[in-house]
Amino acid sequence: MKSMIWGVILGALGSLALVFFTGFAVTGSAAEARAEKQSHEAVVDQLAKICVAQFKKGGDTKQGIMDLQNQSKWTRGEHVKDKGWAKILGAETPSEDVLKACGDKIAELKIAELK
């Protein structure tokens, strides 16, 4: 009888461990952290798309793409900030994440695809 009780207890603990470690169940704080990360990434992506659209409306897009392609990934955000492509009316200075994402998206553009 005593071994059966211990078997039930260990089986229950093993089942709980399996459920949490495999990701079938998450704590409230883990779910909240995941949701915050996903929403942040979605906002950054949308603001970077606006930045790319503003870049395309600007002047010399071919030269701008080449400038960003010739820079390291670490300095592209500063270049985007200096050019003002990431500015949004009524908003504060864009975050580093937005600047970096915008620089990367512009550098990935193909010159032949532009109008």
PDB file of N, CA and C in Angstrom:
ATOM      1  N   MET A   1       0.815  -1.192   0.000  1.00  0.00           N
ATOM      2  CA  MET A   1       0.000   0.000   0.000  1.00  0.00           C
ATOM      3  C   MET A   1       0.862   1.261   0.000  1.00  0.00           C
ATOM      4  N   LYS A   2       1.935   1.234   0.811  1.00  0.00           N
ATOM      5  CA  LYS A   2       2.812   2.392   0.908  1.00  0.00           C
ATOM      6  C   LYS A   2       3.507   2.651  -0.437  1.00  0.00           C
ATOM      7  N   SER A   3       3.938   1.608  -1.113  1.00  0.00           N
ATOM      8  CA  SER A   3       4.602   1.789  -2.407  1.00  0.00           C
ATOM      9  C   SER A   3       3.628   2.288  -3.469  1.00  0.00           C
ATOM     10  N   MET A   4       2.363   1.905  -3.363  1.00  0.00           N
ATOM     11  CA  MET A   4       1.368   2.385  -4.310  1.00  0.00           C
ATOM     12  C   MET A   4       1.150   3.896  -4.151  1.00  0.00           C
ATOM     13  N   ILE A   5       1.120   4.389  -2.938  1.00  0.00           N
ATOM     14  CA  ILE A   5       0.950   5.830  -2.686  1.00  0.00           C
ATOM     15  C   ILE A   5       2.136   6.599  -3.246  1.00  0.00           C
ATOM     16  N   TRP A   6       3.345   6.082  -2.987  1.00  0.00           N
ATOM     17  CA  TRP A   6       4.524   6.734  -3.540  1.00  0.00           C
ATOM     18  C   TRP A   6       4.517   6.691  -5.070  1.00  0.00           C
ATOM     19  N   GLY A   7       4.047   5.663  -5.648  1.00  0.00           N
ATOM     20  CA  GLY A   7       3.943   5.560  -7.106  1.00  0.00           C
ATOM     21  C   GLY A   7       2.991   6.591  -7.675  1.00  0.00           C
ATOM     22  N   VAL A   8       1.869   6.790  -6.994  1.00  0.00           N
ATOM     23  CA  VAL A   8       0.895   7.790  -7.442  1.00  0.00           C
ATOM     24  C   VAL A   8       1.494   9.190  -7.331  1.00  0.00           C
ATOM     25  N   ILE A   9       2.171   9.464  -6.213  1.00  0.00           N
ATOM     26  CA  ILE A   9       2.776  10.790  -6.004  1.00  0.00           C
ATOM     27  C   ILE A   9       3.856  11.054  -7.050  1.00  0.00           C
ATOM     28  N   LEU A  10       4.749  10.116  -7.239  1.00  0.00           N
ATOM     29  CA  LEU A  10       5.816  10.306  -8.226  1.00  0.00           C
ATOM     30  C   LEU A  10       5.259  10.390  -9.650  1.00  0.00           C
ATOM     31  N   GLY A  11       4.233   9.611  -9.942  1.00  0.00           N
ATOM     32  CA  GLY A  11       3.600   9.684 -11.257  1.00  0.00           C
ATOM     33  C   GLY A  11       2.962  11.042 -11.504  1.00  0.00           C
ATOM     34  N   ALA A  12       2.314  11.585 -10.481  1.00  0.00           N
ATOM     35  CA  ALA A  12       1.691  12.908 -10.612  1.00  0.00           C
ATOM     36  C   ALA A  12       2.748  13.983 -10.816  1.00  0.00           C
ATOM     37  N   LEU A  13       3.816  13.921 -10.026  1.00  0.00           N
ATOM     38  CA  LEU A  13       4.888  14.911 -10.170  1.00  0.00           C
ATOM     39  C   LEU A  13       5.564  14.784 -11.541  1.00  0.00           C
ATOM     40  N   GLY A  14       5.778  13.562 -11.986  1.00  0.00           N
ATOM     41  CA  GLY A  14       6.368  13.356 -13.306  1.00  0.00           C
ATOM     42  C   GLY A  14       5.482  13.889 -14.416  1.00  0.00           C
ATOM     43  N   SER A  15       4.192  13.684 -14.278  1.00  0.00           N
ATOM     44  CA  SER A  15       3.248  14.198 -15.283  1.00  0.00           C
ATOM     45  C   SER A  15       3.254  15.713 -15.318  1.00  0.00           C
ATOM     46  N   LEU A  16       3.266  16.348 -14.158  1.00  0.00           N
ATOM     47  CA  LEU A  16       3.314  17.814 -14.098  1.00  0.00           C
ATOM     48  C   LEU A  16       4.601  18.337 -14.733  1.00  0.00           C
ATOM     49  N   ALA A  17       5.711  17.710 -14.395  1.00  0.00           N
ATOM     50  CA  ALA A  17       6.989  18.133 -14.965  1.00  0.00           C
ATOM     51  C   ALA A  17       6.968  18.001 -16.480  1.00  0.00           C
ATOM     52  N   LEU A  18       6.451  16.905 -16.974  1.00  0.00           N
ATOM     53  CA  LEU A  18       6.373  16.688 -18.416  1.00  0.00           C
ATOM     54  C   LEU A  18       5.514  17.746 -19.097  1.00  0.00           C
ATOM     55  N   VAL A  19       4.388  18.078 -18.500  1.00  0.00           N
ATOM     56  CA  VAL A  19       3.468  19.064 -19.077  1.00  0.00           C
ATOM     57  C   VAL A  19       4.120  20.440 -19.141  1.00  0.00           C
ATOM     58  N   PHE A  20       4.812  20.853 -18.079  1.00  0.00           N
ATOM     59  CA  PHE A  20       5.409  22.187 -18.065  1.00  0.00           C
ATOM     60  C   PHE A  20       6.672  22.272 -18.909  1.00  0.00           C
ATOM     61  N   PHE A  21       7.517  21.258 -18.879  1.00  0.00           N
ATOM     62  CA  PHE A  21       8.777  21.318 -19.614  1.00  0.00           C
ATOM     63  C   PHE A  21       8.585  21.154 -21.115  1.00  0.00           C
ATOM     64  N   THR A  22       7.540  20.518 -21.539  1.00  0.00           N
ATOM     65  CA  THR A  22       7.292  20.383 -22.979  1.00  0.00           C
ATOM     66  C   THR A  22       6.518  21.556 -23.546  1.00  0.00           C
ATOM     67  N   GLY A  23       6.022  22.448 -22.698  1.00  0.00           N
ATOM     68  CA  GLY A  23       5.323  23.632 -23.170  1.00  0.00           C
ATOM     69  C   GLY A  23       3.835  23.452 -23.352  1.00  0.00           C
ATOM     70  N   PHE A  24       3.289  22.315 -22.915  1.00  0.00           N
ATOM     71  CA  PHE A  24       1.843  22.118 -23.026  1.00  0.00           C
ATOM     72  C   PHE A  24       1.088  23.047 -22.079  1.00  0.00           C
ATOM     73  N   ALA A  25       1.735  23.459 -21.023  1.00  0.00           N
ATOM     74  CA  ALA A  25       1.136  24.393 -20.071  1.00  0.00           C
ATOM     75  C   ALA A  25       2.193  25.429 -19.721  1.00  0.00           C
ATOM     76  N   VAL A  26       1.777  26.663 -19.574  1.00  0.00           N
ATOM     77  CA  VAL A  26       2.709  27.726 -19.212  1.00  0.00           C
ATOM     78  C   VAL A  26       2.136  28.507 -18.040  1.00  0.00           C
ATOM     79  N   THR A  27       3.010  29.151 -17.320  1.00  0.00           N
ATOM     80  CA  THR A  27       2.562  29.983 -16.218  1.00  0.00           C
ATOM     81  C   THR A  27       2.028  31.296 -16.777  1.00  0.00           C
ATOM     82  N   GLY A  28       1.308  32.011 -15.962  1.00  0.00           N
ATOM     83  CA  GLY A  28       0.758  33.292 -16.396  1.00  0.00           C
ATOM     84  C   GLY A  28       1.840  34.283 -16.766  1.00  0.00           C
ATOM     85  N   SER A  29       2.921  34.316 -15.996  1.00  0.00           N
ATOM     86  CA  SER A  29       3.993  35.271 -16.286  1.00  0.00           C
ATOM     87  C   SER A  29       4.723  34.912 -17.582  1.00  0.00           C
ATOM     88  N   ALA A  30       4.876  33.609 -17.851  1.00  0.00           N
ATOM     89  CA  ALA A  30       5.524  33.201 -19.102  1.00  0.00           C
ATOM     90  C   ALA A  30       4.648  33.556 -20.301  1.00  0.00           C
ATOM     91  N   ALA A  31       3.354  33.369 -20.167  1.00  0.00           N
ATOM     92  CA  ALA A  31       2.435  33.722 -21.253  1.00  0.00           C
ATOM     93  C   ALA A  31       2.431  35.227 -21.486  1.00  0.00           C
ATOM     94  N   GLU A  32       2.471  35.982 -20.409  1.00  0.00           N
ATOM     95  CA  GLU A  32       2.491  37.444 -20.533  1.00  0.00           C
ATOM     96  C   GLU A  32       3.781  37.917 -21.192  1.00  0.00           C
ATOM     97  N   ALA A  33       4.902  37.327 -20.806  1.00  0.00           N
ATOM     98  CA  ALA A  33       6.187  37.701 -21.414  1.00  0.00           C
ATOM     99  C   ALA A  33       6.201  37.368 -22.897  1.00  0.00           C
ATOM    100  N   ARG A  34       5.659  36.216 -23.258  1.00  0.00           N
ATOM    101  CA  ARG A  34       5.601  35.821 -24.666  1.00  0.00           C
ATOM    102  C   ARG A  34       4.703  36.776 -25.458  1.00  0.00           C
ATOM    103  N   ALA A  35       3.577  37.164 -24.871  1.00  0.00           N
ATOM    104  CA  ALA A  35       2.655  38.083 -25.544  1.00  0.00           C
ATOM    105  C   ALA A  35       3.291  39.456 -25.728  1.00  0.00           C
ATOM    106  N   GLU A  36       4.004  39.921 -24.718  1.00  0.00           N
ATOM    107  CA  GLU A  36       4.684  41.224 -24.832  1.00  0.00           C
ATOM    108  C   GLU A  36       5.738  41.189 -25.928  1.00  0.00           C
ATOM    109  N   LYS A  37       6.492  40.101 -25.988  1.00  0.00           N
ATOM    110  CA  LYS A  37       7.525  39.977 -27.014  1.00  0.00           C
ATOM    111  C   LYS A  37       6.909  39.964 -28.406  1.00  0.00           C
ATOM    112  N   GLN A  38       5.836  39.198 -28.579  1.00  0.00           N
ATOM    113  CA  GLN A  38       5.187  39.112 -29.888  1.00  0.00           C
ATOM    114  C   GLN A  38       4.579  40.447 -30.298  1.00  0.00           C
ATOM    115  N   SER A  39       3.969  41.158 -29.361  1.00  0.00           N
ATOM    116  CA  SER A  39       3.376  42.450 -29.711  1.00  0.00           C
ATOM    117  C   SER A  39       4.460  43.471 -30.036  1.00  0.00           C
ATOM    118  N   HIS A  40       5.575  43.435 -29.313  1.00  0.00           N
ATOM    119  CA  HIS A  40       6.687  44.342 -29.600  1.00  0.00           C
ATOM    120  C   HIS A  40       7.235  44.080 -31.002  1.00  0.00           C
ATOM    121  N   GLU A  41       7.416  42.802 -31.329  1.00  0.00           N
ATOM    122  CA  GLU A  41       7.923  42.453 -32.658  1.00  0.00           C
ATOM    123  C   GLU A  41       6.959  42.877 -33.756  1.00  0.00           C
ATOM    124  N   ALA A  42       5.661  42.758 -33.511  1.00  0.00           N
ATOM    125  CA  ALA A  42       4.665  43.160 -34.513  1.00  0.00           C
ATOM    126  C   ALA A  42       4.687  44.666 -34.734  1.00  0.00           C
ATOM    127  N   VAL A  43       4.801  45.430 -33.658  1.00  0.00           N
ATOM    128  CA  VAL A  43       4.851  46.891 -33.780  1.00  0.00           C
ATOM    129  C   VAL A  43       6.124  47.312 -34.506  1.00  0.00           C
ATOM    130  N   VAL A  44       7.252  46.722 -34.136  1.00  0.00           N
ATOM    131  CA  VAL A  44       8.519  47.042 -34.804  1.00  0.00           C
ATOM    132  C   VAL A  44       8.420  46.740 -36.298  1.00  0.00           C
ATOM    133  N   ASP A  45       7.844  45.602 -36.650  1.00  0.00           N
ATOM    134  CA  ASP A  45       7.708  45.223 -38.054  1.00  0.00           C
ATOM    135  C   ASP A  45       6.851  46.229 -38.825  1.00  0.00           C
ATOM    136  N   GLN A  46       5.736  46.638 -38.247  1.00  0.00           N
ATOM    137  CA  GLN A  46       4.854  47.586 -38.933  1.00  0.00           C
ATOM    138  C   GLN A  46       5.508  48.962 -39.074  1.00  0.00           C
ATOM    139  N   LEU A  47       6.188  49.420 -38.018  1.00  0.00           N
ATOM    140  CA  LEU A  47       6.866  50.717 -38.106  1.00  0.00           C
ATOM    141  C   LEU A  47       8.028  50.664 -39.096  1.00  0.00           C
ATOM    142  N   ALA A  48       8.695  49.527 -39.187  1.00  0.00           N
ATOM    143  CA  ALA A  48       9.775  49.388 -40.170  1.00  0.00           C
ATOM    144  C   ALA A  48       9.213  49.427 -41.588  1.00  0.00           C
ATOM    145  N   LYS A  49       8.039  48.865 -41.799  1.00  0.00           N
ATOM    146  CA  LYS A  49       7.405  48.921 -43.128  1.00  0.00           C
ATOM    147  C   LYS A  49       7.052  50.359 -43.497  1.00  0.00           C
ATOM    148  N   ILE A  50       6.579  51.137 -42.523  1.00  0.00           N
ATOM    149  CA  ILE A  50       6.291  52.557 -42.770  1.00  0.00           C
ATOM    150  C   ILE A  50       7.577  53.283 -43.126  1.00  0.00           C
ATOM    151  N   CYS A  51       8.641  52.970 -42.418  1.00  0.00           N
ATOM    152  CA  CYS A  51       9.945  53.577 -42.679  1.00  0.00           C
ATOM    153  C   CYS A  51      10.409  53.274 -44.104  1.00  0.00           C
ATOM    154  N   VAL A  52      10.262  52.037 -44.537  1.00  0.00           N
ATOM    155  CA  VAL A  52      10.661  51.653 -45.902  1.00  0.00           C
ATOM    156  C   VAL A  52       9.812  52.409 -46.925  1.00  0.00           C
ATOM    157  N   ALA A  53       8.528  52.553 -46.659  1.00  0.00           N
ATOM    158  CA  ALA A  53       7.654  53.295 -47.575  1.00  0.00           C
ATOM    159  C   ALA A  53       8.093  54.753 -47.669  1.00  0.00           C
ATOM    160  N   GLN A  54       8.471  55.338 -46.546  1.00  0.00           N
ATOM    161  CA  GLN A  54       8.950  56.722 -46.567  1.00  0.00           C
ATOM    162  C   GLN A  54      10.279  56.824 -47.314  1.00  0.00           C
ATOM    163  N   PHE A  55      11.121  55.817 -47.165  1.00  0.00           N
ATOM    164  CA  PHE A  55      12.375  55.782 -47.914  1.00  0.00           C
ATOM    165  C   PHE A  55      12.107  55.764 -49.413  1.00  0.00           C
ATOM    166  N   LYS A  56      11.137  54.920 -49.832  1.00  0.00           N
ATOM    167  CA  LYS A  56      10.831  54.793 -51.259  1.00  0.00           C
ATOM    168  C   LYS A  56      10.258  56.083 -51.839  1.00  0.00           C
ATOM    169  N   LYS A  57       9.567  56.880 -51.014  1.00  0.00           N
ATOM    170  CA  LYS A  57       9.010  58.147 -51.487  1.00  0.00           C
ATOM    171  C   LYS A  57      10.087  59.221 -51.613  1.00  0.00           C
ATOM    172  N   GLY A  58      11.204  58.994 -50.958  1.00  0.00           N
ATOM    173  CA  GLY A  58      12.285  59.972 -50.958  1.00  0.00           C
ATOM    174  C   GLY A  58      12.987  60.048 -52.296  1.00  0.00           C
ATOM    175  N   GLY A  59      14.106  60.699 -52.281  1.00  0.00           N
ATOM    176  CA  GLY A  59      14.844  60.946 -53.512  1.00  0.00           C
ATOM    177  C   GLY A  59      15.559  59.750 -54.094  1.00  0.00           C
ATOM    178  N   ASP A  60      16.855  59.720 -53.965  1.00  0.00           N
ATOM    179  CA  ASP A  60      17.716  58.748 -54.642  1.00  0.00           C
ATOM    180  C   ASP A  60      17.686  57.400 -53.918  1.00  0.00           C
ATOM    181  N   THR A  61      16.707  56.566 -54.278  1.00  0.00           N
ATOM    182  CA  THR A  61      16.543  55.289 -53.590  1.00  0.00           C
ATOM    183  C   THR A  61      17.669  54.310 -53.939  1.00  0.00           C
ATOM    184  N   LYS A  62      18.129  54.341 -55.170  1.00  0.00           N
ATOM    185  CA  LYS A  62      19.209  53.427 -55.561  1.00  0.00           C
ATOM    186  C   LYS A  62      20.466  53.689 -54.740  1.00  0.00           C
ATOM    187  N   GLN A  63      20.811  54.934 -54.590  1.00  0.00           N
ATOM    188  CA  GLN A  63      21.998  55.289 -53.805  1.00  0.00           C
ATOM    189  C   GLN A  63      21.782  54.956 -52.329  1.00  0.00           C
ATOM    190  N   GLY A  64      20.573  55.184 -51.836  1.00  0.00           N
ATOM    191  CA  GLY A  64      20.273  54.867 -50.438  1.00  0.00           C
ATOM    192  C   GLY A  64      20.414  53.385 -50.143  1.00  0.00           C
ATOM    193  N   ILE A  65      19.949  52.549 -51.070  1.00  0.00           N
ATOM    194  CA  ILE A  65      20.085  51.105 -50.893  1.00  0.00           C
ATOM    195  C   ILE A  65      21.560  50.713 -50.901  1.00  0.00           C
ATOM    196  N   MET A  66      22.302  51.240 -51.846  1.00  0.00           N
ATOM    197  CA  MET A  66      23.726  50.903 -51.922  1.00  0.00           C
ATOM    198  C   MET A  66      24.471  51.371 -50.672  1.00  0.00           C
ATOM    199  N   ASP A  67      24.123  52.555 -50.173  1.00  0.00           N
ATOM    200  CA  ASP A  67      24.763  53.052 -48.946  1.00  0.00           C
ATOM    201  C   ASP A  67      24.531  52.088 -47.781  1.00  0.00           C
ATOM    202  N   LEU A  68      23.280  51.635 -47.627  1.00  0.00           N
ATOM    203  CA  LEU A  68      22.974  50.732 -46.522  1.00  0.00           C
ATOM    204  C   LEU A  68      23.582  49.349 -46.727  1.00  0.00           C
ATOM    205  N   GLN A  69      23.647  48.885 -47.964  1.00  0.00           N
ATOM    206  CA  GLN A  69      24.246  47.578 -48.228  1.00  0.00           C
ATOM    207  C   GLN A  69      25.750  47.574 -47.941  1.00  0.00           C
ATOM    208  N   ASN A  70      26.367  48.734 -48.096  1.00  0.00           N
ATOM    209  CA  ASN A  70      27.811  48.835 -47.863  1.00  0.00           C
ATOM    210  C   ASN A  70      28.162  49.067 -46.397  1.00  0.00           C
ATOM    211  N   GLN A  71      27.165  49.280 -45.558  1.00  0.00           N
ATOM    212  CA  GLN A  71      27.419  49.496 -44.140  1.00  0.00           C
ATOM    213  C   GLN A  71      27.234  48.199 -43.369  1.00  0.00           C
ATOM    214  N   SER A  72      27.819  48.156 -42.195  1.00  0.00           N
ATOM    215  CA  SER A  72      27.603  46.982 -41.350  1.00  0.00           C
ATOM    216  C   SER A  72      26.188  47.039 -40.776  1.00  0.00           C
ATOM    217  N   LYS A  73      25.678  45.885 -40.380  1.00  0.00           N
ATOM    218  CA  LYS A  73      24.333  45.817 -39.810  1.00  0.00           C
ATOM    219  C   LYS A  73      24.228  46.687 -38.552  1.00  0.00           C
ATOM    220  N   TRP A  74      25.343  46.917 -37.901  1.00  0.00           N
ATOM    221  CA  TRP A  74      25.332  47.651 -36.632  1.00  0.00           C
ATOM    222  C   TRP A  74      25.204  49.155 -36.827  1.00  0.00           C
ATOM    223  N   THR A  75      25.522  49.671 -37.997  1.00  0.00           N
ATOM    224  CA  THR A  75      25.457  51.116 -38.222  1.00  0.00           C
ATOM    225  C   THR A  75      24.275  51.537 -39.093  1.00  0.00           C
ATOM    226  N   ARG A  76      23.529  50.588 -39.614  1.00  0.00           N
ATOM    227  CA  ARG A  76      22.408  50.921 -40.497  1.00  0.00           C
ATOM    228  C   ARG A  76      21.345  51.739 -39.775  1.00  0.00           C
ATOM    229  N   GLY A  77      21.051  51.393 -38.543  1.00  0.00           N
ATOM    230  CA  GLY A  77      20.027  52.114 -37.795  1.00  0.00           C
ATOM    231  C   GLY A  77      20.370  53.579 -37.615  1.00  0.00           C
ATOM    232  N   GLU A  78      21.614  53.863 -37.349  1.00  0.00           N
ATOM    233  CA  GLU A  78      22.055  55.253 -37.182  1.00  0.00           C
ATOM    234  C   GLU A  78      21.924  56.012 -38.501  1.00  0.00           C
ATOM    235  N   HIS A  79      22.220  55.347 -39.615  1.00  0.00           N
ATOM    236  CA  HIS A  79      22.076  55.968 -40.938  1.00  0.00           C
ATOM    237  C   HIS A  79      20.601  56.286 -41.221  1.00  0.00           C
ATOM    238  N   VAL A  80      19.716  55.351 -40.891  1.00  0.00           N
ATOM    239  CA  VAL A  80      18.277  55.567 -41.080  1.00  0.00           C
ATOM    240  C   VAL A  80      17.815  56.746 -40.229  1.00  0.00           C
ATOM    241  N   LYS A  81      18.291  56.816 -39.008  1.00  0.00           N
ATOM    242  CA  LYS A  81      17.929  57.913 -38.103  1.00  0.00           C
ATOM    243  C   LYS A  81      18.412  59.252 -38.660  1.00  0.00           C
ATOM    244  N   ASP A  82      19.650  59.286 -39.151  1.00  0.00           N
ATOM    245  CA  ASP A  82      20.205  60.523 -39.708  1.00  0.00           C
ATOM    246  C   ASP A  82      19.422  61.000 -40.927  1.00  0.00           C
ATOM    247  N   LYS A  83      18.959  60.060 -41.742  1.00  0.00           N
ATOM    248  CA  LYS A  83      18.201  60.416 -42.945  1.00  0.00           C
ATOM    249  C   LYS A  83      16.754  60.790 -42.629  1.00  0.00           C
ATOM    250  N   GLY A  84      16.256  60.404 -41.447  1.00  0.00           N
ATOM    251  CA  GLY A  84      14.895  60.765 -41.055  1.00  0.00           C
ATOM    252  C   GLY A  84      13.802  59.895 -41.636  1.00  0.00           C
ATOM    253  N   TRP A  85      14.147  58.747 -42.180  1.00  0.00           N
ATOM    254  CA  TRP A  85      13.152  57.884 -42.821  1.00  0.00           C
ATOM    255  C   TRP A  85      12.186  57.265 -41.818  1.00  0.00           C
ATOM    256  N   ALA A  86      12.608  57.101 -40.576  1.00  0.00           N
ATOM    257  CA  ALA A  86      11.777  56.426 -39.570  1.00  0.00           C
ATOM    258  C   ALA A  86      10.921  57.386 -38.758  1.00  0.00           C
ATOM    259  N   LYS A  87      10.957  58.672 -39.085  1.00  0.00           N
ATOM    260  CA  LYS A  87      10.154  59.641 -38.338  1.00  0.00           C
ATOM    261  C   LYS A  87       8.679  59.466 -38.665  1.00  0.00           C
ATOM    262  N   ILE A  88       7.877  59.491 -37.619  1.00  0.00           N
ATOM    263  CA  ILE A  88       6.433  59.397 -37.781  1.00  0.00           C
ATOM    264  C   ILE A  88       5.827  60.617 -37.108  1.00  0.00           C
ATOM    265  N   LEU A  89       4.951  61.279 -37.817  1.00  0.00           N
ATOM    266  CA  LEU A  89       4.342  62.505 -37.322  1.00  0.00           C
ATOM    267  C   LEU A  89       3.711  62.300 -35.948  1.00  0.00           C
ATOM    268  N   GLY A  90       4.070  63.125 -35.001  1.00  0.00           N
ATOM    269  CA  GLY A  90       3.493  63.067 -33.663  1.00  0.00           C
ATOM    270  C   GLY A  90       4.122  62.039 -32.751  1.00  0.00           C
ATOM    271  N   ALA A  91       5.095  61.296 -33.237  1.00  0.00           N
ATOM    272  CA  ALA A  91       5.735  60.270 -32.411  1.00  0.00           C
ATOM    273  C   ALA A  91       7.122  60.734 -31.978  1.00  0.00           C
ATOM    274  N   GLU A  92       7.581  60.136 -30.896  1.00  0.00           N
ATOM    275  CA  GLU A  92       8.925  60.432 -30.432  1.00  0.00           C
ATOM    276  C   GLU A  92       9.944  59.772 -31.353  1.00  0.00           C
ATOM    277  N   THR A  93      11.180  59.885 -30.998  1.00  0.00           N
ATOM    278  CA  THR A  93      12.249  59.248 -31.761  1.00  0.00           C
ATOM    279  C   THR A  93      12.015  57.742 -31.799  1.00  0.00           C
ATOM    280  N   PRO A  94      12.145  57.112 -32.962  1.00  0.00           N
ATOM    281  CA  PRO A  94      11.910  55.666 -33.049  1.00  0.00           C
ATOM    282  C   PRO A  94      12.927  54.884 -32.222  1.00  0.00           C
ATOM    283  N   SER A  95      12.526  53.707 -31.802  1.00  0.00           N
ATOM    284  CA  SER A  95      13.415  52.865 -30.997  1.00  0.00           C
ATOM    285  C   SER A  95      14.539  52.308 -31.862  1.00  0.00           C
ATOM    286  N   GLU A  96      15.570  51.854 -31.195  1.00  0.00           N
ATOM    287  CA  GLU A  96      16.694  51.244 -31.901  1.00  0.00           C
ATOM    288  C   GLU A  96      16.248  50.020 -32.696  1.00  0.00           C
ATOM    289  N   ASP A  97      15.275  49.293 -32.157  1.00  0.00           N
ATOM    290  CA  ASP A  97      14.772  48.108 -32.859  1.00  0.00           C
ATOM    291  C   ASP A  97      14.139  48.491 -34.193  1.00  0.00           C
ATOM    292  N   VAL A  98      13.370  49.572 -34.200  1.00  0.00           N
ATOM    293  CA  VAL A  98      12.721  50.030 -35.436  1.00  0.00           C
ATOM    294  C   VAL A  98      13.773  50.508 -36.434  1.00  0.00           C
ATOM    295  N   LEU A  99      14.734  51.270 -35.959  1.00  0.00           N
ATOM    296  CA  LEU A  99      15.777  51.783 -36.846  1.00  0.00           C
ATOM    297  C   LEU A  99      16.572  50.641 -37.477  1.00  0.00           C
ATOM    298  N   LYS A 100      16.932  49.658 -36.668  1.00  0.00           N
ATOM    299  CA  LYS A 100      17.694  48.513 -37.174  1.00  0.00           C
ATOM    300  C   LYS A 100      16.864  47.715 -38.175  1.00  0.00           C
ATOM    301  N   ALA A 101      15.599  47.452 -37.839  1.00  0.00           N
ATOM    302  CA  ALA A 101      14.735  46.678 -38.742  1.00  0.00           C
ATOM    303  C   ALA A 101      14.538  47.409 -40.063  1.00  0.00           C
ATOM    304  N   CYS A 102      14.350  48.714 -39.993  1.00  0.00           N
ATOM    305  CA  CYS A 102      14.174  49.505 -41.214  1.00  0.00           C
ATOM    306  C   CYS A 102      15.435  49.459 -42.070  1.00  0.00           C
ATOM    307  N   GLY A 103      16.586  49.654 -41.449  1.00  0.00           N
ATOM    308  CA  GLY A 103      17.844  49.596 -42.193  1.00  0.00           C
ATOM    309  C   GLY A 103      18.051  48.255 -42.861  1.00  0.00           C
ATOM    310  N   ASP A 104      17.726  47.178 -42.143  1.00  0.00           N
ATOM    311  CA  ASP A 104      17.871  45.841 -42.711  1.00  0.00           C
ATOM    312  C   ASP A 104      16.904  45.625 -43.874  1.00  0.00           C
ATOM    313  N   LYS A 105      15.656  46.101 -43.734  1.00  0.00           N
ATOM    314  CA  LYS A 105      14.667  45.929 -44.800  1.00  0.00           C
ATOM    315  C   LYS A 105      15.066  46.716 -46.050  1.00  0.00           C
ATOM    316  N   ILE A 106      15.576  47.913 -45.864  1.00  0.00           N
ATOM    317  CA  ILE A 106      16.001  48.720 -47.017  1.00  0.00           C
ATOM    318  C   ILE A 106      17.204  48.062 -47.695  1.00  0.00           C
ATOM    319  N   ALA A 107      18.152  47.572 -46.900  1.00  0.00           N
ATOM    320  CA  ALA A 107      19.345  46.938 -47.466  1.00  0.00           C
ATOM    321  C   ALA A 107      18.995  45.672 -48.245  1.00  0.00           C
ATOM    322  N   GLU A 108      17.876  45.027 -47.880  1.00  0.00           N
ATOM    323  CA  GLU A 108      17.443  43.808 -48.579  1.00  0.00           C
ATOM    324  C   GLU A 108      16.712  44.103 -49.892  1.00  0.00           C
ATOM    325  N   LEU A 109      16.341  45.363 -50.115  1.00  0.00           N
ATOM    326  CA  LEU A 109      15.629  45.712 -51.348  1.00  0.00           C
ATOM    327  C   LEU A 109      16.533  45.495 -52.551  1.00  0.00           C
ATOM    328  N   LYS A 110      15.926  45.098 -53.635  1.00  0.00           N
ATOM    329  CA  LYS A 110      16.643  44.920 -54.902  1.00  0.00           C
ATOM    330  C   LYS A 110      16.442  46.174 -55.733  1.00  0.00           C
ATOM    331  N   ILE A 111      17.511  46.724 -56.216  1.00  0.00           N
ATOM    332  CA  ILE A 111      17.450  47.971 -57.002  1.00  0.00           C
ATOM    333  C   ILE A 111      16.583  47.771 -58.244  1.00  0.00           C
ATOM    334  N   ALA A 112      16.622  46.624 -58.857  1.00  0.00           N
ATOM    335  CA  ALA A 112      15.855  46.351 -60.083  1.00  0.00           C
ATOM    336  C   ALA A 112      14.348  46.354 -59.818  1.00  0.00           C
ATOM    337  N   GLU A 113      13.926  46.112 -58.585  1.00  0.00           N
ATOM    338  CA  GLU A 113      12.504  46.056 -58.260  1.00  0.00           C
ATOM    339  C   GLU A 113      11.883  47.435 -58.065  1.00  0.00           C
ATOM    340  N   LEU A 114      12.715  48.473 -57.939  1.00  0.00           N
ATOM    341  CA  LEU A 114      12.189  49.821 -57.704  1.00  0.00           C
ATOM    342  C   LEU A 114      11.634  50.398 -58.994  1.00  0.00           C
ATOM    343  N   LYS A 115      10.706  51.320 -58.832  1.00  0.00           N
ATOM    344  CA  LYS A 115      10.085  51.969 -59.998  1.00  0.00           C
ATOM    345  C   LYS A 115      11.062  52.867 -60.703  1.00  0.00           C
TER     346      LYS A 115
END
